[in-house]
Amino acid sequence: MTGSIIAQIAVIGAFVLIGLGILAMIASGVRGITQGKQDFKRIALITTPFIIFVISYVALNDVTKAGVFTTMAMMLVMIISIVFTGLRGTFKF
C-alpha cells in the first residue's frame, strides 16, 4: 500500500515538473517575442503541427485519428523537405 502511494506522489510530481517546464518555456517565448528577439518564420514553423492537428480534429472529430493524420502529414512534409534539400544541394539552386 505504501509503495503505491509513493508511486502516485512521484508520478504527480513528475507531471507538475513537466507542467512547470512548459510554462517556463512559454513565458520565455513570450518574453522573447515582446523584446523582438524571435523570428516569426520560426514561430510559424513550430506551430505547424498544432495547426494541422486542430484542422484535422475539426475535420475528423476524433482525437486519435487527428493525431495519426497529423503524424502522417508531418512525415510527408519531412520527406518533401529532404527531397527538396537534396535536389537543391545537387543542382546548386
C-alpha atoms as a PDB file:
ATOM      1  CA  MET A   1       0.000   0.000   0.000  1.00  0.00           C
ATOM      2  CA  THR A   2       2.785   2.457   0.889  1.00  0.00           C
ATOM      3  CA  GLY A   3       4.675   1.761  -2.341  1.00  0.00           C
ATOM      4  CA  SER A   4       1.601   2.621  -4.358  1.00  0.00           C
ATOM      5  CA  ILE A   5       1.203   5.972  -2.581  1.00  0.00           C
ATOM      6  CA  ILE A   6       4.875   6.788  -3.162  1.00  0.00           C
ATOM      7  CA  ALA A   7       4.496   5.898  -6.842  1.00  0.00           C
ATOM      8  CA  GLN A   8       1.450   8.147  -7.135  1.00  0.00           C
ATOM      9  CA  ILE A   9       3.272  11.033  -5.471  1.00  0.00           C
ATOM     10  CA  ALA A  10       6.259  10.511  -7.783  1.00  0.00           C
ATOM     11  CA  VAL A  11       4.062  10.478 -10.906  1.00  0.00           C
ATOM     12  CA  ILE A  12       2.171  13.591  -9.803  1.00  0.00           C
ATOM     13  CA  GLY A  13       5.468  15.309  -9.002  1.00  0.00           C
ATOM     14  CA  ALA A  14       6.830  14.418 -12.439  1.00  0.00           C
ATOM     15  CA  PHE A  15       3.742  15.858 -14.141  1.00  0.00           C
ATOM     16  CA  VAL A  16       3.969  19.025 -12.049  1.00  0.00           C
ATOM     17  CA  LEU A  17       7.624  19.461 -13.046  1.00  0.00           C
ATOM     18  CA  ILE A  18       6.772  18.880 -16.716  1.00  0.00           C
ATOM     19  CA  GLY A  19       3.974  21.457 -16.458  1.00  0.00           C
ATOM     20  CA  LEU A  20       6.270  23.992 -14.806  1.00  0.00           C
ATOM     21  CA  GLY A  21       8.855  23.413 -17.524  1.00  0.00           C
ATOM     22  CA  ILE A  22       6.268  24.014 -20.241  1.00  0.00           C
ATOM     23  CA  LEU A  23       5.050  27.179 -18.514  1.00  0.00           C
ATOM     24  CA  ALA A  24       8.640  28.429 -18.237  1.00  0.00           C
ATOM     25  CA  MET A  25       9.209  27.793 -21.956  1.00  0.00           C
ATOM     26  CA  ILE A  26       6.011  29.636 -22.863  1.00  0.00           C
ATOM     27  CA  ALA A  27       6.942  32.566 -20.620  1.00  0.00           C
ATOM     28  CA  SER A  28      10.421  32.686 -22.120  1.00  0.00           C
ATOM     29  CA  GLY A  29       8.979  32.613 -25.623  1.00  0.00           C
ATOM     30  CA  VAL A  30       6.508  35.395 -24.889  1.00  0.00           C
ATOM     31  CA  ARG A  31       9.297  37.477 -23.347  1.00  0.00           C
ATOM     32  CA  GLY A  32      11.468  36.885 -26.414  1.00  0.00           C
ATOM     33  CA  ILE A  33       8.636  37.924 -28.730  1.00  0.00           C
ATOM     34  CA  THR A  34       7.952  41.113 -26.776  1.00  0.00           C
ATOM     35  CA  GLN A  35      11.651  42.002 -26.861  1.00  0.00           C
ATOM     36  CA  GLY A  36      11.787  41.368 -30.608  1.00  0.00           C
ATOM     37  CA  LYS A  37      14.301  38.523 -30.354  1.00  0.00           C
ATOM     38  CA  GLN A  38      12.179  35.919 -32.168  1.00  0.00           C
ATOM     39  CA  ASP A  39      11.851  35.341 -35.879  1.00  0.00           C
ATOM     40  CA  PHE A  40       8.228  34.943 -36.934  1.00  0.00           C
ATOM     41  CA  LYS A  41       9.166  32.347 -39.570  1.00  0.00           C
ATOM     42  CA  ARG A  42      10.483  30.082 -36.819  1.00  0.00           C
ATOM     43  CA  ILE A  43       7.359  30.621 -34.741  1.00  0.00           C
ATOM     44  CA  ALA A  44       5.190  29.704 -37.736  1.00  0.00           C
ATOM     45  CA  LEU A  45       7.310  26.610 -38.337  1.00  0.00           C
ATOM     46  CA  ILE A  46       6.940  25.460 -34.737  1.00  0.00           C
ATOM     47  CA  THR A  47       3.164  25.983 -34.718  1.00  0.00           C
ATOM     48  CA  THR A  48       2.640  23.987 -37.940  1.00  0.00           C
ATOM     49  CA  PRO A  49       1.927  20.634 -36.213  1.00  0.00           C
ATOM     50  CA  PHE A  50      -0.548  22.280 -33.841  1.00  0.00           C
ATOM     51  CA  ILE A  51      -2.371  23.943 -36.737  1.00  0.00           C
ATOM     52  CA  ILE A  52      -2.501  20.662 -38.676  1.00  0.00           C
ATOM     53  CA  PHE A  53      -3.824  18.880 -35.577  1.00  0.00           C
ATOM     54  CA  VAL A  54      -6.567  21.438 -34.977  1.00  0.00           C
ATOM     55  CA  ILE A  55      -7.678  21.364 -38.619  1.00  0.00           C
ATOM     56  CA  SER A  56      -7.685  17.560 -38.714  1.00  0.00           C
ATOM     57  CA  TYR A  57      -9.531  17.369 -35.393  1.00  0.00           C
ATOM     58  CA  VAL A  58     -12.235  19.708 -36.673  1.00  0.00           C
ATOM     59  CA  ALA A  59     -12.488  17.697 -39.912  1.00  0.00           C
ATOM     60  CA  LEU A  60     -12.373  14.188 -38.373  1.00  0.00           C
ATOM     61  CA  ASN A  61     -13.920  14.898 -34.936  1.00  0.00           C
ATOM     62  CA  ASP A  62     -11.712  12.250 -33.298  1.00  0.00           C
ATOM     63  CA  VAL A  63      -8.538  12.902 -31.308  1.00  0.00           C
ATOM     64  CA  THR A  64      -6.871   9.607 -32.220  1.00  0.00           C
ATOM     65  CA  LYS A  65      -7.492   9.938 -35.949  1.00  0.00           C
ATOM     66  CA  ALA A  66      -6.412  13.592 -35.842  1.00  0.00           C
ATOM     67  CA  GLY A  67      -3.170  12.610 -34.098  1.00  0.00           C
ATOM     68  CA  VAL A  68      -2.426   9.899 -36.657  1.00  0.00           C
ATOM     69  CA  PHE A  69      -3.252  12.253 -39.529  1.00  0.00           C
ATOM     70  CA  THR A  70      -1.003  14.938 -38.044  1.00  0.00           C
ATOM     71  CA  THR A  71       1.853  12.450 -37.709  1.00  0.00           C
ATOM     72  CA  MET A  72       1.406  11.297 -41.306  1.00  0.00           C
ATOM     73  CA  ALA A  73       1.221  14.869 -42.588  1.00  0.00           C
ATOM     74  CA  MET A  74       4.383  15.867 -40.725  1.00  0.00           C
ATOM     75  CA  MET A  75       6.198  12.791 -42.081  1.00  0.00           C
ATOM     76  CA  LEU A  76       5.137  13.790 -45.595  1.00  0.00           C
ATOM     77  CA  VAL A  77       6.417  17.324 -45.021  1.00  0.00           C
ATOM     78  CA  MET A  78       9.700  15.862 -43.740  1.00  0.00           C
ATOM     79  CA  ILE A  79      10.108  13.638 -46.815  1.00  0.00           C
ATOM     80  CA  ILE A  80       9.365  16.535 -49.167  1.00  0.00           C
ATOM     81  CA  SER A  81      11.866  18.715 -47.281  1.00  0.00           C
ATOM     82  CA  ILE A  82      14.579  16.045 -47.508  1.00  0.00           C
ATOM     83  CA  VAL A  83      13.994  15.607 -51.244  1.00  0.00           C
ATOM     84  CA  PHE A  84      13.995  19.373 -51.835  1.00  0.00           C
ATOM     85  CA  THR A  85      17.180  19.836 -49.798  1.00  0.00           C
ATOM     86  CA  GLY A  86      18.884  17.013 -51.695  1.00  0.00           C
ATOM     87  CA  LEU A  87      17.857  18.454 -55.056  1.00  0.00           C
ATOM     88  CA  ARG A  88      18.976  21.923 -54.037  1.00  0.00           C
ATOM     89  CA  GLY A  89      22.375  20.572 -52.974  1.00  0.00           C
ATOM     90  CA  THR A  90      22.744  18.535 -56.163  1.00  0.00           C
ATOM     91  CA  PHE A  91      21.770  21.226 -58.632  1.00  0.00           C
ATOM     92  CA  LYS A  92      23.113  24.206 -56.607  1.00  0.00           C
ATOM     93  CA  PHE A  93      19.957  26.355 -56.704  1.00  0.00           C
END
